[in-house]
C-alpha atoms as a PDB file:
ATOM      1  CA  MET A   1      27.345 -97.379 248.483  1.00  0.00           C
ATOM      2  CA  LYS A   2      28.617-100.082 245.888  1.00  0.00           C
ATOM      3  CA  LYS A   3      25.526 -99.353 244.216  1.00  0.00           C
ATOM      4  CA  ALA A   4      25.617 -95.744 244.045  1.00  0.00           C
ATOM      5  CA  ALA A   5      29.191 -95.851 242.577  1.00  0.00           C
ATOM      6  CA  LEU A   6      28.412 -98.558 239.968  1.00  0.00           C
ATOM      7  CA  ALA A   7      25.722 -96.472 238.615  1.00  0.00           C
ATOM      8  CA  PHE A   8      27.812 -93.410 238.483  1.00  0.00           C
ATOM      9  CA  ALA A   9      30.466 -95.428 236.523  1.00  0.00           C
ATOM     10  CA  LEU A  10      27.883 -96.383 234.127  1.00  0.00           C
ATOM     11  CA  ALA A  11      26.403 -93.048 233.851  1.00  0.00           C
ATOM     12  CA  LEU A  12      29.739 -91.796 233.022  1.00  0.00           C
ATOM     13  CA  PHE A  13      31.064 -94.471 230.289  1.00  0.00           C
ATOM     14  CA  THR A  14      27.631 -94.157 228.764  1.00  0.00           C
ATOM     15  CA  LEU A  15      28.023 -89.793 228.632  1.00  0.00           C
ATOM     16  CA  CYS A  16      31.646 -90.742 227.139  1.00  0.00           C
ATOM     17  CA  THR A  17      30.327 -92.946 224.356  1.00  0.00           C
ATOM     18  CA  ILE A  18      28.177 -90.521 223.291  1.00  0.00           C
ATOM     19  CA  ALA A  19      30.511 -87.618 223.441  1.00  0.00           C
ATOM     20  CA  TYR A  20      33.338 -89.369 221.878  1.00  0.00           C
ATOM     21  CA  ALA A  21      31.077 -91.314 219.128  1.00  0.00           C
ATOM     22  CA  GLY A  22      30.964 -88.235 216.570  1.00  0.00           C
ATOM     23  CA  PRO A  23      28.371 -87.927 213.462  1.00  0.00           C
ATOM     24  CA  GLU A  24      27.550 -90.705 211.577  1.00  0.00           C
ATOM     25  CA  ARG A  25      30.384 -91.126 209.715  1.00  0.00           C
ATOM     26  CA  TYR A  26      29.761 -91.404 205.854  1.00  0.00           C
ATOM     27  CA  SER A  27      26.405 -91.775 203.839  1.00  0.00           C
ATOM     28  CA  GLY A  28      26.317 -92.274 200.312  1.00  0.00           C
ATOM     29  CA  LYS A  29      25.071 -88.544 199.618  1.00  0.00           C
ATOM     30  CA  GLU A  30      28.372 -87.689 201.492  1.00  0.00           C
ATOM     31  CA  MET A  31      30.585 -89.205 199.552  1.00  0.00           C
ATOM     32  CA  LYS A  32      29.323 -88.034 196.386  1.00  0.00           C
ATOM     33  CA  GLN A  33      29.741 -84.910 197.582  1.00  0.00           C
ATOM     34  CA  VAL A  34      33.406 -85.193 198.168  1.00  0.00           C
ATOM     35  CA  ALA A  35      34.275 -87.193 194.982  1.00  0.00           C
ATOM     36  CA  PRO A  36      36.835 -85.660 192.798  1.00  0.00           C
ATOM     37  CA  ALA A  37      35.382 -84.122 189.450  1.00  0.00           C
ATOM     38  CA  PRO A  38      36.479 -86.141 186.735  1.00  0.00           C
ATOM     39  CA  VAL A  39      39.672 -85.208 184.592  1.00  0.00           C
ATOM     40  CA  VAL A  40      38.987 -83.860 181.110  1.00  0.00           C
ATOM     41  CA  GLU A  41      40.591 -85.898 178.451  1.00  0.00           C
ATOM     42  CA  CYS A  42      42.208 -83.547 176.006  1.00  0.00           C
ATOM     43  CA  PRO A  43      41.869 -84.708 172.165  1.00  0.00           C
ATOM     44  CA  ASN A  44      45.653 -86.030 170.347  1.00  0.00           C
ATOM     45  CA  TRP A  45      45.864 -84.158 167.444  1.00  0.00           C
ATOM     46  CA  THR A  46      48.237 -86.447 165.694  1.00  0.00           C
ATOM     47  CA  GLY A  47      47.203 -88.033 163.010  1.00  0.00           C
ATOM     48  CA  PHE A  48      45.696 -88.008 159.501  1.00  0.00           C
ATOM     49  CA  TYR A  49      42.565 -86.706 158.719  1.00  0.00           C
ATOM     50  CA  VAL A  50      39.865 -86.152 155.833  1.00  0.00           C
ATOM     51  CA  GLY A  51      37.028 -83.785 155.609  1.00  0.00           C
ATOM     52  CA  GLY A  52      34.674 -82.166 152.706  1.00  0.00           C
ATOM     53  CA  PHE A  53      33.733 -78.343 152.802  1.00  0.00           C
ATOM     54  CA  GLY A  54      31.712 -75.915 151.500  1.00  0.00           C
ATOM     55  CA  GLY A  55      32.067 -72.096 151.068  1.00  0.00           C
ATOM     56  CA  TYR A  56      31.908 -68.707 149.259  1.00  0.00           C
ATOM     57  CA  LYS A  57      33.993 -66.706 147.365  1.00  0.00           C
ATOM     58  CA  PHE A  58      34.882 -63.282 146.679  1.00  0.00           C
ATOM     59  CA  ALA A  59      37.408 -61.958 143.718  1.00  0.00           C
ATOM     60  CA  PRO A  60      38.260 -58.603 142.587  1.00  0.00           C
ATOM     61  CA  ILE A  61      39.163 -59.213 138.854  1.00  0.00           C
ATOM     62  CA  ASN A  62      40.653 -56.343 137.322  1.00  0.00           C
ATOM     63  CA  SER A  63      40.778 -56.334 133.447  1.00  0.00           C
ATOM     64  CA  ASP A  64      43.203 -54.188 131.168  1.00  0.00           C
ATOM     65  CA  LEU A  65      42.912 -53.343 127.063  1.00  0.00           C
ATOM     66  CA  ASN A  66      45.538 -51.649 125.628  1.00  0.00           C
ATOM     67  CA  LEU A  67      45.110 -50.632 121.731  1.00  0.00           C
ATOM     68  CA  PHE A  68      48.035 -50.080 119.220  1.00  0.00           C
ATOM     69  CA  GLY A  69      49.165 -50.667 115.606  1.00  0.00           C
ATOM     70  CA  ASP A  70      46.596 -49.072 113.020  1.00  0.00           C
ATOM     71  CA  TRP A  71      44.382 -48.279 116.150  1.00  0.00           C
ATOM     72  CA  ALA A  72      46.616 -45.086 116.492  1.00  0.00           C
ATOM     73  CA  GLY A  73      44.971 -41.978 115.934  1.00  0.00           C
ATOM     74  CA  PHE A  74      41.416 -43.124 116.027  1.00  0.00           C
ATOM     75  CA  PRO A  75      39.217 -41.192 118.559  1.00  0.00           C
ATOM     76  CA  GLU A  76      37.297 -43.776 119.918  1.00  0.00           C
ATOM     77  CA  VAL A  77      40.837 -45.611 120.972  1.00  0.00           C
ATOM     78  CA  SER A  78      40.279 -43.707 125.128  1.00  0.00           C
ATOM     79  CA  GLY A  79      36.894 -45.244 125.639  1.00  0.00           C
ATOM     80  CA  LEU A  80      37.355 -48.508 124.397  1.00  0.00           C
ATOM     81  CA  GLU A  81      40.237 -49.004 126.452  1.00  0.00           C
ATOM     82  CA  SER A  82      38.726 -47.526 129.412  1.00  0.00           C
ATOM     83  CA  ALA A  83      35.825 -49.764 128.780  1.00  0.00           C
ATOM     84  CA  GLY A  84      37.683 -53.237 128.373  1.00  0.00           C
ATOM     85  CA  SER A  85      39.937 -51.895 131.700  1.00  0.00           C
ATOM     86  CA  GLU A  86      36.812 -52.317 133.983  1.00  0.00           C
ATOM     87  CA  ASN A  87      36.490 -54.321 137.255  1.00  0.00           C
ATOM     88  CA  LEU A  88      34.793 -57.425 137.090  1.00  0.00           C
ATOM     89  CA  ASP A  89      34.555 -58.186 140.866  1.00  0.00           C
ATOM     90  CA  SER A  90      32.926 -61.711 141.307  1.00  0.00           C
ATOM     91  CA  SER A  91      31.297 -64.224 143.664  1.00  0.00           C
ATOM     92  CA  GLY A  92      29.908 -67.487 143.832  1.00  0.00           C
ATOM     93  CA  ALA A  93      30.162 -71.050 146.044  1.00  0.00           C
ATOM     94  CA  GLU A  94      33.029 -73.377 146.131  1.00  0.00           C
ATOM     95  CA  ALA A  95      32.201 -77.346 147.076  1.00  0.00           C
ATOM     96  CA  GLY A  96      35.525 -79.472 147.565  1.00  0.00           C
ATOM     97  CA  GLY A  97      37.211 -82.184 149.943  1.00  0.00           C
ATOM     98  CA  LEU A  98      41.121 -82.160 152.037  1.00  0.00           C
ATOM     99  CA  ILE A  99      43.301 -84.271 152.800  1.00  0.00           C
ATOM    100  CA  GLY A 100      46.073 -83.896 155.412  1.00  0.00           C
ATOM    101  CA  TYR A 101      48.239 -84.893 158.391  1.00  0.00           C
ATOM    102  CA  ASN A 102      49.116 -83.551 161.791  1.00  0.00           C
ATOM    103  CA  TYR A 103      51.563 -84.040 164.456  1.00  0.00           C
ATOM    104  CA  GLN A 104      50.999 -82.664 168.066  1.00  0.00           C
ATOM    105  CA  TRP A 105      54.274 -81.888 170.400  1.00  0.00           C
ATOM    106  CA  HIS A 106      53.111 -80.302 173.872  1.00  0.00           C
ATOM    107  CA  ASN A 107      50.874 -77.717 172.661  1.00  0.00           C
ATOM    108  CA  TRP A 108      51.908 -77.457 169.350  1.00  0.00           C
ATOM    109  CA  VAL A 109      50.521 -79.072 166.315  1.00  0.00           C
ATOM    110  CA  PHE A 110      52.191 -78.972 163.217  1.00  0.00           C
ATOM    111  CA  GLY A 111      50.835 -80.367 159.956  1.00  0.00           C
ATOM    112  CA  ALA A 112      50.485 -80.221 156.023  1.00  0.00           C
ATOM    113  CA  GLU A 113      47.445 -80.089 154.283  1.00  0.00           C
ATOM    114  CA  ALA A 114      46.048 -80.543 150.537  1.00  0.00           C
ATOM    115  CA  ALA A 115      42.478 -79.717 149.551  1.00  0.00           C
ATOM    116  CA  GLY A 116      40.538 -79.029 145.645  1.00  0.00           C
ATOM    117  CA  GLY A 117      37.248 -77.711 145.008  1.00  0.00           C
ATOM    118  CA  TYR A 118      35.170 -76.687 142.118  1.00  0.00           C
ATOM    119  CA  LEU A 119      33.963 -73.192 142.199  1.00  0.00           C
ATOM    120  CA  TRP A 120      31.050 -71.074 140.677  1.00  0.00           C
ATOM    121  CA  LEU A 121      33.045 -67.899 140.580  1.00  0.00           C
ATOM    122  CA  ARG A 122      31.868 -66.066 137.091  1.00  0.00           C
ATOM    123  CA  ASP A 123      31.024 -62.319 135.837  1.00  0.00           C
ATOM    124  CA  SER A 124      30.312 -60.624 132.042  1.00  0.00           C
ATOM    125  CA  ASN A 125      29.776 -57.737 130.870  1.00  0.00           C
ATOM    126  CA  GLN A 126      28.981 -55.895 128.168  1.00  0.00           C
ATOM    127  CA  THR A 127      28.875 -51.969 127.115  1.00  0.00           C
ATOM    128  CA  GLY A 128      26.374 -51.352 124.734  1.00  0.00           C
ATOM    129  CA  ILE A 129      26.967 -48.936 122.115  1.00  0.00           C
ATOM    130  CA  LEU A 130      30.072 -47.166 123.694  1.00  0.00           C
ATOM    131  CA  THR A 131      31.466 -44.596 121.037  1.00  0.00           C
ATOM    132  CA  ASN A 132      30.858 -42.618 118.393  1.00  0.00           C
ATOM    133  CA  GLY A 133      33.983 -41.562 116.318  1.00  0.00           C
ATOM    134  CA  GLY A 134      34.676 -38.446 114.267  1.00  0.00           C
ATOM    135  CA  ASN A 135      34.259 -40.942 111.378  1.00  0.00           C
ATOM    136  CA  GLY A 136      30.397 -42.438 112.851  1.00  0.00           C
ATOM    137  CA  ASN A 137      31.772 -45.947 114.156  1.00  0.00           C
ATOM    138  CA  THR A 138      30.113 -47.096 117.161  1.00  0.00           C
ATOM    139  CA  TYR A 139      31.448 -50.169 119.296  1.00  0.00           C
ATOM    140  CA  ASP A 140      30.621 -52.453 122.033  1.00  0.00           C
ATOM    141  CA  VAL A 141      32.993 -54.087 124.610  1.00  0.00           C
ATOM    142  CA  SER A 142      32.294 -57.701 125.373  1.00  0.00           C
ATOM    143  CA  THR A 143      34.381 -59.210 128.968  1.00  0.00           C
ATOM    144  CA  SER A 144      33.741 -62.008 130.220  1.00  0.00           C
ATOM    145  CA  PHE A 145      35.743 -64.364 133.416  1.00  0.00           C
ATOM    146  CA  LYS A 146      35.438 -67.462 134.845  1.00  0.00           C
ATOM    147  CA  THR A 147      37.562 -69.518 137.087  1.00  0.00           C
ATOM    148  CA  HIS A 148      36.383 -73.376 137.442  1.00  0.00           C
ATOM    149  CA  TYR A 149      38.461 -74.819 140.344  1.00  0.00           C
ATOM    150  CA  LEU A 150      41.515 -74.151 142.840  1.00  0.00           C
ATOM    151  CA  ALA A 151      43.598 -76.512 144.345  1.00  0.00           C
ATOM    152  CA  THR A 152      46.130 -75.581 147.777  1.00  0.00           C
ATOM    153  CA  PHE A 153      48.622 -77.028 149.311  1.00  0.00           C
ATOM    154  CA  GLY A 154      50.548 -76.347 152.055  1.00  0.00           C
ATOM    155  CA  PRO A 155      52.034 -76.378 155.699  1.00  0.00           C
ATOM    156  CA  ARG A 156      50.051 -75.729 159.208  1.00  0.00           C
ATOM    157  CA  ILE A 157      50.903 -74.405 162.475  1.00  0.00           C
ATOM    158  CA  GLY A 158      48.539 -74.355 165.308  1.00  0.00           C
ATOM    159  CA  TYR A 159      48.314 -74.578 169.199  1.00  0.00           C
ATOM    160  CA  ALA A 160      46.106 -76.791 170.994  1.00  0.00           C
ATOM    161  CA  LEU A 161      43.526 -75.604 173.581  1.00  0.00           C
ATOM    162  CA  CYS A 162      42.602 -78.838 174.900  1.00  0.00           C
ATOM    163  CA  ASN A 163      39.469 -78.970 172.018  1.00  0.00           C
ATOM    164  CA  TRP A 164      40.069 -76.017 170.261  1.00  0.00           C
ATOM    165  CA  LEU A 165      43.001 -75.602 168.059  1.00  0.00           C
ATOM    166  CA  PRO A 166      43.724 -72.251 166.389  1.00  0.00           C
ATOM    167  CA  TYR A 167      46.154 -72.471 163.398  1.00  0.00           C
ATOM    168  CA  ILE A 168      47.617 -70.172 160.417  1.00  0.00           C
ATOM    169  CA  THR A 169      48.740 -71.508 156.913  1.00  0.00           C
ATOM    170  CA  GLY A 170      50.450 -71.124 153.623  1.00  0.00           C
ATOM    171  CA  GLY A 171      51.663 -72.346 150.666  1.00  0.00           C
ATOM    172  CA  LEU A 172      51.113 -72.749 146.792  1.00  0.00           C
ATOM    173  CA  ALA A 173      47.352 -72.562 144.894  1.00  0.00           C
ATOM    174  CA  LEU A 174      46.600 -73.652 141.570  1.00  0.00           C
ATOM    175  CA  GLY A 175      43.566 -72.693 139.285  1.00  0.00           C
ATOM    176  CA  ASP A 176      41.768 -71.849 136.180  1.00  0.00           C
ATOM    177  CA  LEU A 177      41.758 -68.074 134.623  1.00  0.00           C
ATOM    178  CA  ASP A 178      39.228 -68.152 131.881  1.00  0.00           C
ATOM    179  CA  PHE A 179      38.786 -64.469 130.181  1.00  0.00           C
ATOM    180  CA  PHE A 180      37.004 -63.753 127.149  1.00  0.00           C
ATOM    181  CA  GLN A 181      37.247 -60.111 125.435  1.00  0.00           C
ATOM    182  CA  GLN A 182      36.006 -58.499 122.203  1.00  0.00           C
ATOM    183  CA  ILE A 183      35.596 -55.687 120.221  1.00  0.00           C
ATOM    184  CA  ASN A 184      32.788 -55.497 118.328  1.00  0.00           C
ATOM    185  CA  GLU A 185      32.248 -52.753 115.326  1.00  0.00           C
ATOM    186  CA  HIS A 186      28.527 -52.179 114.182  1.00  0.00           C
ATOM    187  CA  ASN A 187      28.195 -50.167 111.163  1.00  0.00           C
ATOM    188  CA  THR A 188      30.517 -53.394 109.829  1.00  0.00           C
ATOM    189  CA  PHE A 189      31.673 -56.672 110.659  1.00  0.00           C
ATOM    190  CA  PHE A 190      34.666 -55.699 112.011  1.00  0.00           C
ATOM    191  CA  ARG A 191      35.568 -57.491 115.111  1.00  0.00           C
ATOM    192  CA  GLN A 192      38.845 -57.841 117.680  1.00  0.00           C
ATOM    193  CA  GLY A 193      39.283 -60.214 120.496  1.00  0.00           C
ATOM    194  CA  GLY A 194      39.307 -63.870 121.758  1.00  0.00           C
ATOM    195  CA  ASN A 195      39.255 -66.372 124.695  1.00  0.00           C
ATOM    196  CA  HIS A 196      42.178 -67.724 126.323  1.00  0.00           C
ATOM    197  CA  THR A 197      42.337 -70.329 129.685  1.00  0.00           C
ATOM    198  CA  GLU A 198      45.175 -70.441 131.771  1.00  0.00           C
ATOM    199  CA  ASN A 199      45.936 -72.906 134.413  1.00  0.00           C
ATOM    200  CA  ASN A 200      48.418 -70.670 137.341  1.00  0.00           C
ATOM    201  CA  VAL A 201      50.590 -71.538 140.026  1.00  0.00           C
ATOM    202  CA  GLY A 202      49.532 -68.964 142.653  1.00  0.00           C
ATOM    203  CA  TRP A 203      49.986 -68.506 146.588  1.00  0.00           C
ATOM    204  CA  MET A 204      47.550 -68.361 149.415  1.00  0.00           C
ATOM    205  CA  VAL A 205      47.870 -67.731 153.290  1.00  0.00           C
ATOM    206  CA  GLY A 206      45.136 -67.657 155.795  1.00  0.00           C
ATOM    207  CA  GLY A 207      44.116 -69.069 159.333  1.00  0.00           C
ATOM    208  CA  GLY A 208      41.384 -71.115 160.919  1.00  0.00           C
ATOM    209  CA  LEU A 209      39.507 -72.331 164.169  1.00  0.00           C
ATOM    210  CA  GLN A 210      39.189 -75.992 164.495  1.00  0.00           C
ATOM    211  CA  TYR A 211      36.648 -77.738 167.315  1.00  0.00           C
ATOM    212  CA  ALA A 212      37.349 -81.290 168.141  1.00  0.00           C
ATOM    213  CA  LEU A 213      33.817 -82.747 169.032  1.00  0.00           C
ATOM    214  CA  THR A 214      35.185 -86.359 169.705  1.00  0.00           C
ATOM    215  CA  HIS A 215      38.699 -88.199 169.665  1.00  0.00           C
ATOM    216  CA  HIS A 216      37.983 -88.274 165.551  1.00  0.00           C
ATOM    217  CA  TRP A 217      34.973 -85.903 164.537  1.00  0.00           C
ATOM    218  CA  SER A 218      35.603 -82.063 164.513  1.00  0.00           C
ATOM    219  CA  VAL A 219      34.683 -78.790 162.355  1.00  0.00           C
ATOM    220  CA  ARG A 220      36.382 -75.648 161.741  1.00  0.00           C
ATOM    221  CA  GLY A 221      36.007 -72.533 159.921  1.00  0.00           C
ATOM    222  CA  GLN A 222      38.944 -71.318 157.502  1.00  0.00           C
ATOM    223  CA  TYR A 223      39.870 -68.103 155.498  1.00  0.00           C
ATOM    224  CA  GLU A 224      42.315 -67.752 152.454  1.00  0.00           C
ATOM    225  CA  TYR A 225      43.776 -64.817 150.580  1.00  0.00           C
ATOM    226  CA  VAL A 226      45.023 -66.564 147.246  1.00  0.00           C
ATOM    227  CA  ASP A 227      46.716 -64.730 144.447  1.00  0.00           C
ATOM    228  CA  LEU A 228      46.445 -66.834 140.788  1.00  0.00           C
ATOM    229  CA  GLY A 229      48.384 -63.816 138.652  1.00  0.00           C
ATOM    230  CA  SER A 230      46.960 -63.027 135.595  1.00  0.00           C
ATOM    231  CA  VAL A 231      46.065 -64.039 132.194  1.00  0.00           C
ATOM    232  CA  GLY A 232      46.604 -62.287 128.790  1.00  0.00           C
ATOM    233  CA  PHE A 233      46.617 -62.743 125.242  1.00  0.00           C
ATOM    234  CA  ASP A 234      47.354 -60.766 121.981  1.00  0.00           C
ATOM    235  CA  THR A 235      44.675 -60.159 119.005  1.00  0.00           C
ATOM    236  CA  LYS A 236      44.196 -58.865 115.211  1.00  0.00           C
ATOM    237  CA  GLY A 237      41.141 -57.338 113.776  1.00  0.00           C
ATOM    238  CA  THR A 238      39.244 -59.701 111.468  1.00  0.00           C
ATOM    239  CA  SER A 239      40.376 -59.397 107.745  1.00  0.00           C
ATOM    240  CA  PRO A 240      40.977 -57.179 106.311  1.00  0.00           C
ATOM    241  CA  PHE A 241      42.170 -55.527 108.853  1.00  0.00           C
ATOM    242  CA  PRO A 242      44.425 -56.985 110.620  1.00  0.00           C
ATOM    243  CA  GLY A 243      46.742 -54.225 111.813  1.00  0.00           C
ATOM    244  CA  PHE A 244      44.463 -53.327 114.536  1.00  0.00           C
ATOM    245  CA  ILE A 245      46.228 -54.929 117.713  1.00  0.00           C
ATOM    246  CA  GLY A 246      44.798 -55.446 121.147  1.00  0.00           C
ATOM    247  CA  HIS A 247      46.086 -56.808 124.488  1.00  0.00           C
ATOM    248  CA  SER A 248      43.672 -58.537 126.698  1.00  0.00           C
ATOM    249  CA  LYS A 249      44.756 -58.681 130.790  1.00  0.00           C
ATOM    250  CA  ALA A 250      43.042 -59.737 133.714  1.00  0.00           C
ATOM    251  CA  GLU A 251      44.555 -60.358 137.254  1.00  0.00           C
ATOM    252  CA  LEU A 252      42.341 -62.950 139.798  1.00  0.00           C
ATOM    253  CA  ARG A 253      42.406 -62.488 143.413  1.00  0.00           C
ATOM    254  CA  GLU A 254      39.969 -64.204 145.894  1.00  0.00           C
ATOM    255  CA  HIS A 255      39.197 -64.207 149.508  1.00  0.00           C
ATOM    256  CA  ASN A 256      37.858 -67.447 150.308  1.00  0.00           C
ATOM    257  CA  VAL A 257      35.456 -68.325 153.329  1.00  0.00           C
ATOM    258  CA  SER A 258      34.661 -72.189 153.937  1.00  0.00           C
ATOM    259  CA  LEU A 259      33.153 -74.369 156.903  1.00  0.00           C
ATOM    260  CA  ALA A 260      34.512 -77.901 156.877  1.00  0.00           C
ATOM    261  CA  VAL A 261      33.994 -81.341 158.467  1.00  0.00           C
ATOM    262  CA  ILE A 262      36.643 -83.456 159.235  1.00  0.00           C
ATOM    263  CA  TYR A 263      37.115 -87.185 160.214  1.00  0.00           C
ATOM    264  CA  GLN A 264      40.525 -87.746 161.902  1.00  0.00           C
ATOM    265  CA  PHE A 265      42.241 -91.691 162.067  1.00  0.00           C
END
């Protein structure tokens, strides 16, 4: 009887041990499954930075020619003024560098940037034989425009979305306007025109999107609209016709698209 009771007690103990032992507690695989995902560390945009950029520029250039003085009464005046007032829509590449500073407050990023580049932006036009007036004179009008550099300076305001930084900007723009215009008369040695270059201060506005590759390196795309004003000059006809007077004028607007690589210290 005692043996049977002892056997029953051992069997009951074994059953309880199996029932409450549960499954295998943890394996390396299970630990990997329940481990939390690593926290993504967003870059801090505060600091000085430098970079280089390349871009493409499109410029609608409006030219204008007005003739007066001894030109009054000549039937070819309207044709000459029309030929000298055609638009010189130009485009070309740009390459340059930039330097700036950002300060991040929560998600907002405030900064200032200066950039400068060399432009391959130029165009020219020659009308060929233009007008046969009542006096039998024939003319052509030659016009050309160039700009060689563009410098900008202005504040930036952006909103950081971890590695992404959309922003807007606006400020000052500085560039040169090199304008040439000349009237040539085919039957004589009469010429009227000249060349004038100005370094103009204008304004720019734009925006872009920057992406942080690491805590130091980033890339961005940017668009700017630039208004550099106008360049103009007065001319007189060659001797012995100084009474023939003209005013030539050109206005420069630029649409600038660029890509930049930036290093933040």
